[in-house]
Amino acid sequence: EVQLVESGGGLVQPGQSLILSCVGSGFSFSAMYMTWVRQAPGKGLEWISDINSGGGSTHYADSVKGRFTISRNNANNTLFLFMNSLNLDDMAVYYCVTGGLVWWGQGAQVTVSS
């Protein structure tokens, strides 16, 4: 059974940081392109970042470029999203997703509030 389990969400103030983690199991994590997608309240899904299987190639949406960093540890089947300088527009549910948007995690809530 494929599982993607996110953790690390929470409540922060504007300007603060959070780290999201996603542990994958039931598939060949190290061979899989991985993506972070988010959904803000009342809005559609937004792709924000992806990383190739080896971790050497990454891409970011303009909305998070320079503030967020995606990385992975294939030895531990873990995907990360380091989020700095969070603002109100970053408040959303963040999903860890495999390449091709086939498998999705349950989502991690990130709340930004002063």
PDB file of N, CA and C in Angstrom:
ATOM      1  N   GLU A   1       0.837  -1.192   0.000  1.00  0.00           N
ATOM      2  CA  GLU A   1       0.000   0.000   0.000  1.00  0.00           C
ATOM      3  C   GLU A   1       0.880   1.253   0.000  1.00  0.00           C
ATOM      4  N   VAL A   2       0.593   2.141  -0.925  1.00  0.00           N
ATOM      5  CA  VAL A   2       1.328   3.401  -0.997  1.00  0.00           C
ATOM      6  C   VAL A   2       0.848   4.339   0.112  1.00  0.00           C
ATOM      7  N   GLN A   3       1.812   4.910   0.817  1.00  0.00           N
ATOM      8  CA  GLN A   3       1.480   5.903   1.834  1.00  0.00           C
ATOM      9  C   GLN A   3       2.423   7.088   1.734  1.00  0.00           C
ATOM     10  N   LEU A   4       1.868   8.275   1.902  1.00  0.00           N
ATOM     11  CA  LEU A   4       2.635   9.509   2.013  1.00  0.00           C
ATOM     12  C   LEU A   4       2.107  10.223   3.251  1.00  0.00           C
ATOM     13  N   VAL A   5       2.972  10.408   4.236  1.00  0.00           N
ATOM     14  CA  VAL A   5       2.543  10.966   5.508  1.00  0.00           C
ATOM     15  C   VAL A   5       3.296  12.259   5.775  1.00  0.00           C
ATOM     16  N   GLU A   6       2.548  13.364   5.729  1.00  0.00           N
ATOM     17  CA  GLU A   6       3.152  14.678   5.992  1.00  0.00           C
ATOM     18  C   GLU A   6       3.128  14.987   7.485  1.00  0.00           C
ATOM     19  N   SER A   7       4.081  15.797   7.900  1.00  0.00           N
ATOM     20  CA  SER A   7       4.110  16.303   9.264  1.00  0.00           C
ATOM     21  C   SER A   7       4.819  17.648   9.272  1.00  0.00           C
ATOM     22  N   GLY A   8       4.649  18.371  10.379  1.00  0.00           N
ATOM     23  CA  GLY A   8       5.360  19.624  10.536  1.00  0.00           C
ATOM     24  C   GLY A   8       4.527  20.870  10.363  1.00  0.00           C
ATOM     25  N   GLY A   9       3.278  20.716   9.988  1.00  0.00           N
ATOM     26  CA  GLY A   9       2.435  21.896   9.871  1.00  0.00           C
ATOM     27  C   GLY A   9       2.144  22.505  11.227  1.00  0.00           C
ATOM     28  N   GLY A  10       1.539  23.676  11.209  1.00  0.00           N
ATOM     29  CA  GLY A  10       1.192  24.317  12.470  1.00  0.00           C
ATOM     30  C   GLY A  10       0.834  25.764  12.292  1.00  0.00           C
ATOM     31  N   LEU A  11       0.792  26.470  13.411  1.00  0.00           N
ATOM     32  CA  LEU A  11       0.437  27.883  13.445  1.00  0.00           C
ATOM     33  C   LEU A  11       1.699  28.710  13.673  1.00  0.00           C
ATOM     34  N   VAL A  12       1.921  29.677  12.783  1.00  0.00           N
ATOM     35  CA  VAL A  12       3.067  30.561  12.926  1.00  0.00           C
ATOM     36  C   VAL A  12       2.633  31.999  12.689  1.00  0.00           C
ATOM     37  N   GLN A  13       3.483  32.927  13.104  1.00  0.00           N
ATOM     38  CA  GLN A  13       3.246  34.337  12.828  1.00  0.00           C
ATOM     39  C   GLN A  13       3.922  34.717  11.514  1.00  0.00           C
ATOM     40  N   PRO A  14       3.456  35.771  10.876  1.00  0.00           N
ATOM     41  CA  PRO A  14       4.121  36.237   9.646  1.00  0.00           C
ATOM     42  C   PRO A  14       5.613  36.464   9.882  1.00  0.00           C
ATOM     43  N   GLY A  15       6.402  36.006   8.922  1.00  0.00           N
ATOM     44  CA  GLY A  15       7.846  36.155   9.027  1.00  0.00           C
ATOM     45  C   GLY A  15       8.558  34.965   9.614  1.00  0.00           C
ATOM     46  N   GLN A  16       7.800  34.056  10.220  1.00  0.00           N
ATOM     47  CA  GLN A  16       8.412  32.889  10.832  1.00  0.00           C
ATOM     48  C   GLN A  16       8.594  31.755   9.820  1.00  0.00           C
ATOM     49  N   SER A  17       9.180  30.658  10.304  1.00  0.00           N
ATOM     50  CA  SER A  17       9.529  29.539   9.444  1.00  0.00           C
ATOM     51  C   SER A  17       8.885  28.238   9.916  1.00  0.00           C
ATOM     52  N   LEU A  18       8.768  27.310   8.982  1.00  0.00           N
ATOM     53  CA  LEU A  18       8.292  25.958   9.280  1.00  0.00           C
ATOM     54  C   LEU A  18       9.003  24.986   8.356  1.00  0.00           C
ATOM     55  N   ILE A  19       9.091  23.743   8.801  1.00  0.00           N
ATOM     56  CA  ILE A  19       9.632  22.686   7.963  1.00  0.00           C
ATOM     57  C   ILE A  19       8.586  21.581   7.857  1.00  0.00           C
ATOM     58  N   LEU A  20       8.206  21.276   6.640  1.00  0.00           N
ATOM     59  CA  LEU A  20       7.307  20.158   6.396  1.00  0.00           C
ATOM     60  C   LEU A  20       8.120  18.928   5.992  1.00  0.00           C
ATOM     61  N   SER A  21       7.666  17.772   6.463  1.00  0.00           N
ATOM     62  CA  SER A  21       8.283  16.504   6.082  1.00  0.00           C
ATOM     63  C   SER A  21       7.218  15.594   5.505  1.00  0.00           C
ATOM     64  N   CYS A  22       7.661  14.686   4.661  1.00  0.00           N
ATOM     65  CA  CYS A  22       6.742  13.718   4.061  1.00  0.00           C
ATOM     66  C   CYS A  22       7.498  12.402   3.925  1.00  0.00           C
ATOM     67  N   VAL A  23       6.998  11.384   4.581  1.00  0.00           N
ATOM     68  CA  VAL A  23       7.624  10.074   4.495  1.00  0.00           C
ATOM     69  C   VAL A  23       6.809   9.183   3.573  1.00  0.00           C
ATOM     70  N   GLY A  24       7.478   8.623   2.583  1.00  0.00           N
ATOM     71  CA  GLY A  24       6.809   7.760   1.624  1.00  0.00           C
ATOM     72  C   GLY A  24       7.099   6.293   1.876  1.00  0.00           C
ATOM     73  N   SER A  25       6.133   5.457   1.585  1.00  0.00           N
ATOM     74  CA  SER A  25       6.326   4.008   1.711  1.00  0.00           C
ATOM     75  C   SER A  25       5.425   3.298   0.716  1.00  0.00           C
ATOM     76  N   GLY A  26       5.771   2.058   0.410  1.00  0.00           N
ATOM     77  CA  GLY A  26       4.958   1.256  -0.500  1.00  0.00           C
ATOM     78  C   GLY A  26       5.267   1.474  -1.968  1.00  0.00           C
ATOM     79  N   PHE A  27       6.294   2.242  -2.251  1.00  0.00           N
ATOM     80  CA  PHE A  27       6.722   2.463  -3.631  1.00  0.00           C
ATOM     81  C   PHE A  27       8.213   2.801  -3.610  1.00  0.00           C
ATOM     82  N   SER A  28       8.797   2.879  -4.784  1.00  0.00           N
ATOM     83  CA  SER A  28      10.216   3.177  -4.879  1.00  0.00           C
ATOM     84  C   SER A  28      10.436   4.680  -4.779  1.00  0.00           C
ATOM     85  N   PHE A  29      10.533   5.158  -3.554  1.00  0.00           N
ATOM     86  CA  PHE A  29      10.640   6.599  -3.313  1.00  0.00           C
ATOM     87  C   PHE A  29      11.834   7.197  -4.044  1.00  0.00           C
ATOM     88  N   SER A  30      12.959   6.541  -3.978  1.00  0.00           N
ATOM     89  CA  SER A  30      14.183   7.114  -4.537  1.00  0.00           C
ATOM     90  C   SER A  30      14.140   7.241  -6.050  1.00  0.00           C
ATOM     91  N   ALA A  31      13.216   6.579  -6.694  1.00  0.00           N
ATOM     92  CA  ALA A  31      13.107   6.655  -8.151  1.00  0.00           C
ATOM     93  C   ALA A  31      12.039   7.628  -8.602  1.00  0.00           C
ATOM     94  N   MET A  32      11.376   8.263  -7.650  1.00  0.00           N
ATOM     95  CA  MET A  32      10.175   9.029  -7.968  1.00  0.00           C
ATOM     96  C   MET A  32      10.428  10.534  -7.913  1.00  0.00           C
ATOM     97  N   TYR A  33      10.017  11.238  -8.948  1.00  0.00           N
ATOM     98  CA  TYR A  33       9.920  12.696  -8.927  1.00  0.00           C
ATOM     99  C   TYR A  33       8.884  13.050  -7.866  1.00  0.00           C
ATOM    100  N   MET A  34       9.156  14.079  -7.057  1.00  0.00           N
ATOM    101  CA  MET A  34       8.235  14.449  -5.986  1.00  0.00           C
ATOM    102  C   MET A  34       7.856  15.923  -6.064  1.00  0.00           C
ATOM    103  N   THR A  35       6.668  16.227  -5.590  1.00  0.00           N
ATOM    104  CA  THR A  35       6.092  17.554  -5.727  1.00  0.00           C
ATOM    105  C   THR A  35       5.406  17.977  -4.431  1.00  0.00           C
ATOM    106  N   TRP A  36       5.424  19.273  -4.180  1.00  0.00           N
ATOM    107  CA  TRP A  36       4.578  19.868  -3.140  1.00  0.00           C
ATOM    108  C   TRP A  36       3.497  20.700  -3.827  1.00  0.00           C
ATOM    109  N   VAL A  37       2.278  20.503  -3.388  1.00  0.00           N
ATOM    110  CA  VAL A  37       1.112  21.230  -3.889  1.00  0.00           C
ATOM    111  C   VAL A  37       0.366  21.771  -2.680  1.00  0.00           C
ATOM    112  N   ARG A  38      -0.216  22.954  -2.804  1.00  0.00           N
ATOM    113  CA  ARG A  38      -0.974  23.492  -1.683  1.00  0.00           C
ATOM    114  C   ARG A  38      -2.348  23.969  -2.139  1.00  0.00           C
ATOM    115  N   GLN A  39      -3.237  24.070  -1.162  1.00  0.00           N
ATOM    116  CA  GLN A  39      -4.574  24.592  -1.420  1.00  0.00           C
ATOM    117  C   GLN A  39      -4.945  25.544  -0.308  1.00  0.00           C
ATOM    118  N   ALA A  40      -5.069  26.805  -0.661  1.00  0.00           N
ATOM    119  CA  ALA A  40      -5.469  27.832   0.291  1.00  0.00           C
ATOM    120  C   ALA A  40      -6.986  27.805   0.471  1.00  0.00           C
ATOM    121  N   PRO A  41      -7.475  28.332   1.589  1.00  0.00           N
ATOM    122  CA  PRO A  41      -8.921  28.331   1.830  1.00  0.00           C
ATOM    123  C   PRO A  41      -9.691  28.968   0.697  1.00  0.00           C
ATOM    124  N   GLY A  42     -10.653  28.251   0.135  1.00  0.00           N
ATOM    125  CA  GLY A  42     -11.505  28.791  -0.907  1.00  0.00           C
ATOM    126  C   GLY A  42     -10.863  28.904  -2.274  1.00  0.00           C
ATOM    127  N   LYS A  43      -9.658  28.348  -2.418  1.00  0.00           N
ATOM    128  CA  LYS A  43      -8.945  28.442  -3.694  1.00  0.00           C
ATOM    129  C   LYS A  43      -8.620  27.060  -4.246  1.00  0.00           C
ATOM    130  N   GLY A  44      -8.160  27.034  -5.475  1.00  0.00           N
ATOM    131  CA  GLY A  44      -7.799  25.777  -6.111  1.00  0.00           C
ATOM    132  C   GLY A  44      -6.405  25.303  -5.725  1.00  0.00           C
ATOM    133  N   LEU A  45      -6.016  24.185  -6.292  1.00  0.00           N
ATOM    134  CA  LEU A  45      -4.701  23.639  -6.029  1.00  0.00           C
ATOM    135  C   LEU A  45      -3.623  24.479  -6.714  1.00  0.00           C
ATOM    136  N   GLU A  46      -2.505  24.639  -6.026  1.00  0.00           N
ATOM    137  CA  GLU A  46      -1.382  25.406  -6.556  1.00  0.00           C
ATOM    138  C   GLU A  46      -0.115  24.577  -6.439  1.00  0.00           C
ATOM    139  N   TRP A  47       0.516  24.289  -7.574  1.00  0.00           N
ATOM    140  CA  TRP A  47       1.825  23.659  -7.546  1.00  0.00           C
ATOM    141  C   TRP A  47       2.833  24.668  -7.010  1.00  0.00           C
ATOM    142  N   ILE A  48       3.686  24.240  -6.079  1.00  0.00           N
ATOM    143  CA  ILE A  48       4.649  25.177  -5.544  1.00  0.00           C
ATOM    144  C   ILE A  48       6.098  24.743  -5.731  1.00  0.00           C
ATOM    145  N   SER A  49       6.365  23.440  -5.815  1.00  0.00           N
ATOM    146  CA  SER A  49       7.747  23.026  -5.971  1.00  0.00           C
ATOM    147  C   SER A  49       7.833  21.562  -6.360  1.00  0.00           C
ATOM    148  N   ASP A  50       8.930  21.205  -7.058  1.00  0.00           N
ATOM    149  CA  ASP A  50       9.184  19.792  -7.313  1.00  0.00           C
ATOM    150  C   ASP A  50      10.677  19.523  -7.337  1.00  0.00           C
ATOM    151  N   ILE A  51      11.003  18.234  -7.261  1.00  0.00           N
ATOM    152  CA  ILE A  51      12.396  17.811  -7.179  1.00  0.00           C
ATOM    153  C   ILE A  51      12.547  16.475  -7.893  1.00  0.00           C
ATOM    154  N   ASN A  52      13.654  16.328  -8.614  1.00  0.00           N
ATOM    155  CA  ASN A  52      13.831  15.077  -9.334  1.00  0.00           C
ATOM    156  C   ASN A  52      14.257  13.962  -8.380  1.00  0.00           C
ATOM    157  N   SER A  53      14.376  12.761  -8.910  1.00  0.00           N
ATOM    158  CA  SER A  53      14.598  11.599  -8.042  1.00  0.00           C
ATOM    159  C   SER A  53      15.900  11.688  -7.254  1.00  0.00           C
ATOM    160  N   GLY A  54      16.925  12.232  -7.888  1.00  0.00           N
ATOM    161  CA  GLY A  54      18.214  12.325  -7.205  1.00  0.00           C
ATOM    162  C   GLY A  54      18.378  13.550  -6.331  1.00  0.00           C
ATOM    163  N   GLY A  55      17.477  14.494  -6.475  1.00  0.00           N
ATOM    164  CA  GLY A  55      17.539  15.710  -5.671  1.00  0.00           C
ATOM    165  C   GLY A  55      18.363  16.832  -6.277  1.00  0.00           C
ATOM    166  N   GLY A  56      18.924  16.603  -7.448  1.00  0.00           N
ATOM    167  CA  GLY A  56      19.804  17.605  -8.023  1.00  0.00           C
ATOM    168  C   GLY A  56      19.109  18.672  -8.841  1.00  0.00           C
ATOM    169  N   SER A  57      17.841  18.488  -9.116  1.00  0.00           N
ATOM    170  CA  SER A  57      17.093  19.459  -9.909  1.00  0.00           C
ATOM    171  C   SER A  57      15.813  19.825  -9.176  1.00  0.00           C
ATOM    172  N   THR A  58      15.626  21.116  -8.970  1.00  0.00           N
ATOM    173  CA  THR A  58      14.444  21.599  -8.253  1.00  0.00           C
ATOM    174  C   THR A  58      13.796  22.754  -9.016  1.00  0.00           C
ATOM    175  N   HIS A  59      12.520  22.942  -8.781  1.00  0.00           N
ATOM    176  CA  HIS A  59      11.781  24.034  -9.407  1.00  0.00           C
ATOM    177  C   HIS A  59      10.822  24.622  -8.385  1.00  0.00           C
ATOM    178  N   TYR A  60      10.525  25.928  -8.565  1.00  0.00           N
ATOM    179  CA  TYR A  60       9.668  26.619  -7.616  1.00  0.00           C
ATOM    180  C   TYR A  60       8.695  27.535  -8.335  1.00  0.00           C
ATOM    181  N   ALA A  61       7.521  27.666  -7.765  1.00  0.00           N
ATOM    182  CA  ALA A  61       6.583  28.683  -8.228  1.00  0.00           C
ATOM    183  C   ALA A  61       7.126  30.053  -7.846  1.00  0.00           C
ATOM    184  N   ASP A  62       6.787  31.054  -8.626  1.00  0.00           N
ATOM    185  CA  ASP A  62       7.260  32.410  -8.344  1.00  0.00           C
ATOM    186  C   ASP A  62       6.815  32.877  -6.957  1.00  0.00           C
ATOM    187  N   SER A  63       5.666  32.395  -6.518  1.00  0.00           N
ATOM    188  CA  SER A  63       5.109  32.840  -5.249  1.00  0.00           C
ATOM    189  C   SER A  63       5.950  32.417  -4.039  1.00  0.00           C
ATOM    190  N   VAL A  64       6.812  31.402  -4.216  1.00  0.00           N
ATOM    191  CA  VAL A  64       7.598  30.916  -3.088  1.00  0.00           C
ATOM    192  C   VAL A  64       9.099  30.952  -3.357  1.00  0.00           C
ATOM    193  N   LYS A  65       9.488  31.288  -4.570  1.00  0.00           N
ATOM    194  CA  LYS A  65      10.897  31.275  -4.946  1.00  0.00           C
ATOM    195  C   LYS A  65      11.696  32.205  -4.041  1.00  0.00           C
ATOM    196  N   GLY A  66      12.812  31.702  -3.553  1.00  0.00           N
ATOM    197  CA  GLY A  66      13.648  32.498  -2.660  1.00  0.00           C
ATOM    198  C   GLY A  66      13.276  32.383  -1.201  1.00  0.00           C
ATOM    199  N   ARG A  67      12.116  31.818  -0.917  1.00  0.00           N
ATOM    200  CA  ARG A  67      11.677  31.663   0.484  1.00  0.00           C
ATOM    201  C   ARG A  67      11.557  30.197   0.879  1.00  0.00           C
ATOM    202  N   PHE A  68      11.199  29.341  -0.064  1.00  0.00           N
ATOM    203  CA  PHE A  68      11.005  27.916   0.214  1.00  0.00           C
ATOM    204  C   PHE A  68      12.126  27.118  -0.436  1.00  0.00           C
ATOM    205  N   THR A  69      12.479  26.012   0.201  1.00  0.00           N
ATOM    206  CA  THR A  69      13.473  25.097  -0.341  1.00  0.00           C
ATOM    207  C   THR A  69      12.965  23.666  -0.229  1.00  0.00           C
ATOM    208  N   ILE A  70      12.998  22.967  -1.346  1.00  0.00           N
ATOM    209  CA  ILE A  70      12.610  21.569  -1.365  1.00  0.00           C
ATOM    210  C   ILE A  70      13.874  20.710  -1.335  1.00  0.00           C
ATOM    211  N   SER A  71      13.806  19.610  -0.607  1.00  0.00           N
ATOM    212  CA  SER A  71      14.934  18.674  -0.600  1.00  0.00           C
ATOM    213  C   SER A  71      14.401  17.289  -0.270  1.00  0.00           C
ATOM    214  N   ARG A  72      15.275  16.314  -0.365  1.00  0.00           N
ATOM    215  CA  ARG A  72      14.860  14.948  -0.083  1.00  0.00           C
ATOM    216  C   ARG A  72      16.016  14.145   0.489  1.00  0.00           C
ATOM    217  N   ASN A  73      15.656  13.121   1.256  1.00  0.00           N
ATOM    218  CA  ASN A  73      16.621  12.167   1.783  1.00  0.00           C
ATOM    219  C   ASN A  73      16.139  10.792   1.355  1.00  0.00           C
ATOM    220  N   ASN A  74      16.729  10.281   0.294  1.00  0.00           N
ATOM    221  CA  ASN A  74      16.253   9.005  -0.247  1.00  0.00           C
ATOM    222  C   ASN A  74      16.576   7.825   0.673  1.00  0.00           C
ATOM    223  N   ALA A  75      17.586   7.972   1.495  1.00  0.00           N
ATOM    224  CA  ALA A  75      17.910   6.893   2.434  1.00  0.00           C
ATOM    225  C   ALA A  75      16.784   6.691   3.447  1.00  0.00           C
ATOM    226  N   ASN A  76      16.068   7.769   3.743  1.00  0.00           N
ATOM    227  CA  ASN A  76      14.974   7.702   4.715  1.00  0.00           C
ATOM    228  C   ASN A  76      13.607   7.895   4.080  1.00  0.00           C
ATOM    229  N   ASN A  77      13.577   7.872   2.740  1.00  0.00           N
ATOM    230  CA  ASN A  77      12.298   8.032   2.016  1.00  0.00           C
ATOM    231  C   ASN A  77      11.537   9.288   2.455  1.00  0.00           C
ATOM    232  N   THR A  78      12.265  10.371   2.635  1.00  0.00           N
ATOM    233  CA  THR A  78      11.653  11.579   3.174  1.00  0.00           C
ATOM    234  C   THR A  78      11.836  12.772   2.244  1.00  0.00           C
ATOM    235  N   LEU A  79      10.764  13.499   2.061  1.00  0.00           N
ATOM    236  CA  LEU A  79      10.741  14.745   1.298  1.00  0.00           C
ATOM    237  C   LEU A  79      10.552  15.889   2.285  1.00  0.00           C
ATOM    238  N   PHE A  80      11.238  17.011   2.030  1.00  0.00           N
ATOM    239  CA  PHE A  80      11.153  18.162   2.922  1.00  0.00           C
ATOM    240  C   PHE A  80      10.722  19.407   2.156  1.00  0.00           C
ATOM    241  N   LEU A  81      10.126  20.328   2.898  1.00  0.00           N
ATOM    242  CA  LEU A  81       9.880  21.667   2.394  1.00  0.00           C
ATOM    243  C   LEU A  81      10.225  22.639   3.515  1.00  0.00           C
ATOM    244  N   PHE A  82      11.305  23.363   3.313  1.00  0.00           N
ATOM    245  CA  PHE A  82      11.732  24.374   4.266  1.00  0.00           C
ATOM    246  C   PHE A  82      11.087  25.693   3.855  1.00  0.00           C
ATOM    247  N   MET A  83      10.290  26.256   4.749  1.00  0.00           N
ATOM    248  CA  MET A  83       9.517  27.453   4.434  1.00  0.00           C
ATOM    249  C   MET A  83       9.951  28.591   5.338  1.00  0.00           C
ATOM    250  N   ASN A  84      10.483  29.635   4.718  1.00  0.00           N
ATOM    251  CA  ASN A  84      10.928  30.815   5.461  1.00  0.00           C
ATOM    252  C   ASN A  84      10.077  32.023   5.098  1.00  0.00           C
ATOM    253  N   SER A  85      10.133  33.022   5.951  1.00  0.00           N
ATOM    254  CA  SER A  85       9.425  34.284   5.713  1.00  0.00           C
ATOM    255  C   SER A  85       7.970  34.052   5.323  1.00  0.00           C
ATOM    256  N   LEU A  86       7.306  33.236   6.088  1.00  0.00           N
ATOM    257  CA  LEU A  86       5.911  32.915   5.775  1.00  0.00           C
ATOM    258  C   LEU A  86       5.031  34.154   5.883  1.00  0.00           C
ATOM    259  N   ASN A  87       4.070  34.237   4.993  1.00  0.00           N
ATOM    260  CA  ASN A  87       3.113  35.343   5.028  1.00  0.00           C
ATOM    261  C   ASN A  87       1.698  34.794   4.929  1.00  0.00           C
ATOM    262  N   LEU A  88       0.733  35.694   4.997  1.00  0.00           N
ATOM    263  CA  LEU A  88      -0.662  35.266   5.053  1.00  0.00           C
ATOM    264  C   LEU A  88      -1.065  34.484   3.802  1.00  0.00           C
ATOM    265  N   ASP A  89      -0.440  34.787   2.663  1.00  0.00           N
ATOM    266  CA  ASP A  89      -0.777  34.086   1.422  1.00  0.00           C
ATOM    267  C   ASP A  89      -0.287  32.637   1.417  1.00  0.00           C
ATOM    268  N   ASP A  90       0.574  32.295   2.352  1.00  0.00           N
ATOM    269  CA  ASP A  90       1.092  30.922   2.424  1.00  0.00           C
ATOM    270  C   ASP A  90       0.193  30.002   3.235  1.00  0.00           C
ATOM    271  N   MET A  91      -0.807  30.557   3.868  1.00  0.00           N
ATOM    272  CA  MET A  91      -1.699  29.734   4.668  1.00  0.00           C
ATOM    273  C   MET A  91      -2.493  28.811   3.756  1.00  0.00           C
ATOM    274  N   ALA A  92      -2.354  27.498   3.990  1.00  0.00           N
ATOM    275  CA  ALA A  92      -2.947  26.501   3.100  1.00  0.00           C
ATOM    276  C   ALA A  92      -2.745  25.107   3.686  1.00  0.00           C
ATOM    277  N   VAL A  93      -3.374  24.153   3.036  1.00  0.00           N
ATOM    278  CA  VAL A  93      -3.046  22.746   3.292  1.00  0.00           C
ATOM    279  C   VAL A  93      -1.999  22.352   2.262  1.00  0.00           C
ATOM    280  N   TYR A  94      -0.897  21.782   2.740  1.00  0.00           N
ATOM    281  CA  TYR A  94       0.208  21.408   1.878  1.00  0.00           C
ATOM    282  C   TYR A  94       0.217  19.897   1.679  1.00  0.00           C
ATOM    283  N   TYR A  95       0.300  19.506   0.416  1.00  0.00           N
ATOM    284  CA  TYR A  95       0.270  18.089   0.070  1.00  0.00           C
ATOM    285  C   TYR A  95       1.594  17.658  -0.552  1.00  0.00           C
ATOM    286  N   CYS A  96       2.045  16.522  -0.133  1.00  0.00           N
ATOM    287  CA  CYS A  96       3.182  15.839  -0.735  1.00  0.00           C
ATOM    288  C   CYS A  96       2.606  14.909  -1.810  1.00  0.00           C
ATOM    289  N   VAL A  97       3.144  14.983  -3.028  1.00  0.00           N
ATOM    290  CA  VAL A  97       2.553  14.264  -4.151  1.00  0.00           C
ATOM    291  C   VAL A  97       3.650  13.615  -4.979  1.00  0.00           C
ATOM    292  N   THR A  98       3.405  12.418  -5.447  1.00  0.00           N
ATOM    293  CA  THR A  98       4.392  11.773  -6.306  1.00  0.00           C
ATOM    294  C   THR A  98       4.307  12.329  -7.726  1.00  0.00           C
ATOM    295  N   GLY A  99       5.334  12.067  -8.489  1.00  0.00           N
ATOM    296  CA  GLY A  99       5.361  12.489  -9.878  1.00  0.00           C
ATOM    297  C   GLY A  99       4.128  12.026 -10.634  1.00  0.00           C
ATOM    298  N   GLY A 100       3.641  12.861 -11.528  1.00  0.00           N
ATOM    299  CA  GLY A 100       2.430  12.534 -12.256  1.00  0.00           C
ATOM    300  C   GLY A 100       1.171  12.720 -11.438  1.00  0.00           C
ATOM    301  N   LEU A 101       1.333  13.235 -10.209  1.00  0.00           N
ATOM    302  CA  LEU A 101       0.207  13.511  -9.310  1.00  0.00           C
ATOM    303  C   LEU A 101      -0.636  12.264  -9.085  1.00  0.00           C
ATOM    304  N   VAL A 102       0.046  11.128  -8.985  1.00  0.00           N
ATOM    305  CA  VAL A 102      -0.678   9.868  -8.846  1.00  0.00           C
ATOM    306  C   VAL A 102      -1.079   9.616  -7.399  1.00  0.00           C
ATOM    307  N   TRP A 103      -0.096   9.744  -6.492  1.00  0.00           N
ATOM    308  CA  TRP A 103      -0.367   9.473  -5.081  1.00  0.00           C
ATOM    309  C   TRP A 103      -0.196  10.735  -4.258  1.00  0.00           C
ATOM    310  N   TRP A 104      -1.107  10.961  -3.312  1.00  0.00           N
ATOM    311  CA  TRP A 104      -1.143  12.169  -2.493  1.00  0.00           C
ATOM    312  C   TRP A 104      -1.103  11.813  -1.020  1.00  0.00           C
ATOM    313  N   GLY A 105      -0.447  12.671  -0.251  1.00  0.00           N
ATOM    314  CA  GLY A 105      -0.515  12.544   1.186  1.00  0.00           C
ATOM    315  C   GLY A 105      -1.827  13.114   1.704  1.00  0.00           C
ATOM    316  N   GLN A 106      -1.994  13.062   3.009  1.00  0.00           N
ATOM    317  CA  GLN A 106      -3.243  13.514   3.622  1.00  0.00           C
ATOM    318  C   GLN A 106      -3.271  15.029   3.814  1.00  0.00           C
ATOM    319  N   GLY A 107      -2.139  15.664   3.681  1.00  0.00           N
ATOM    320  CA  GLY A 107      -2.067  17.117   3.806  1.00  0.00           C
ATOM    321  C   GLY A 107      -1.612  17.574   5.181  1.00  0.00           C
ATOM    322  N   ALA A 108      -0.903  18.683   5.204  1.00  0.00           N
ATOM    323  CA  ALA A 108      -0.458  19.305   6.449  1.00  0.00           C
ATOM    324  C   ALA A 108      -0.952  20.748   6.463  1.00  0.00           C
ATOM    325  N   GLN A 109      -1.644  21.128   7.509  1.00  0.00           N
ATOM    326  CA  GLN A 109      -2.196  22.474   7.608  1.00  0.00           C
ATOM    327  C   GLN A 109      -1.129  23.451   8.079  1.00  0.00           C
ATOM    328  N   VAL A 110      -0.974  24.520   7.323  1.00  0.00           N
ATOM    329  CA  VAL A 110      -0.098  25.622   7.717  1.00  0.00           C
ATOM    330  C   VAL A 110      -0.967  26.859   7.895  1.00  0.00           C
ATOM    331  N   THR A 111      -0.958  27.382   9.095  1.00  0.00           N
ATOM    332  CA  THR A 111      -1.736  28.565   9.413  1.00  0.00           C
ATOM    333  C   THR A 111      -0.791  29.705   9.757  1.00  0.00           C
ATOM    334  N   VAL A 112      -0.990  30.836   9.090  1.00  0.00           N
ATOM    335  CA  VAL A 112      -0.169  32.017   9.340  1.00  0.00           C
ATOM    336  C   VAL A 112      -1.095  33.111   9.868  1.00  0.00           C
ATOM    337  N   SER A 113      -0.828  33.538  11.074  1.00  0.00           N
ATOM    338  CA  SER A 113      -1.707  34.514  11.692  1.00  0.00           C
ATOM    339  C   SER A 113      -0.936  35.337  12.707  1.00  0.00           C
ATOM    340  N   SER A 114      -1.241  36.621  12.739  1.00  0.00           N
ATOM    341  CA  SER A 114      -0.623  37.483  13.735  1.00  0.00           C
ATOM    342  C   SER A 114      -1.494  37.549  14.987  1.00  0.00           C
TER     343      SER A 114
END
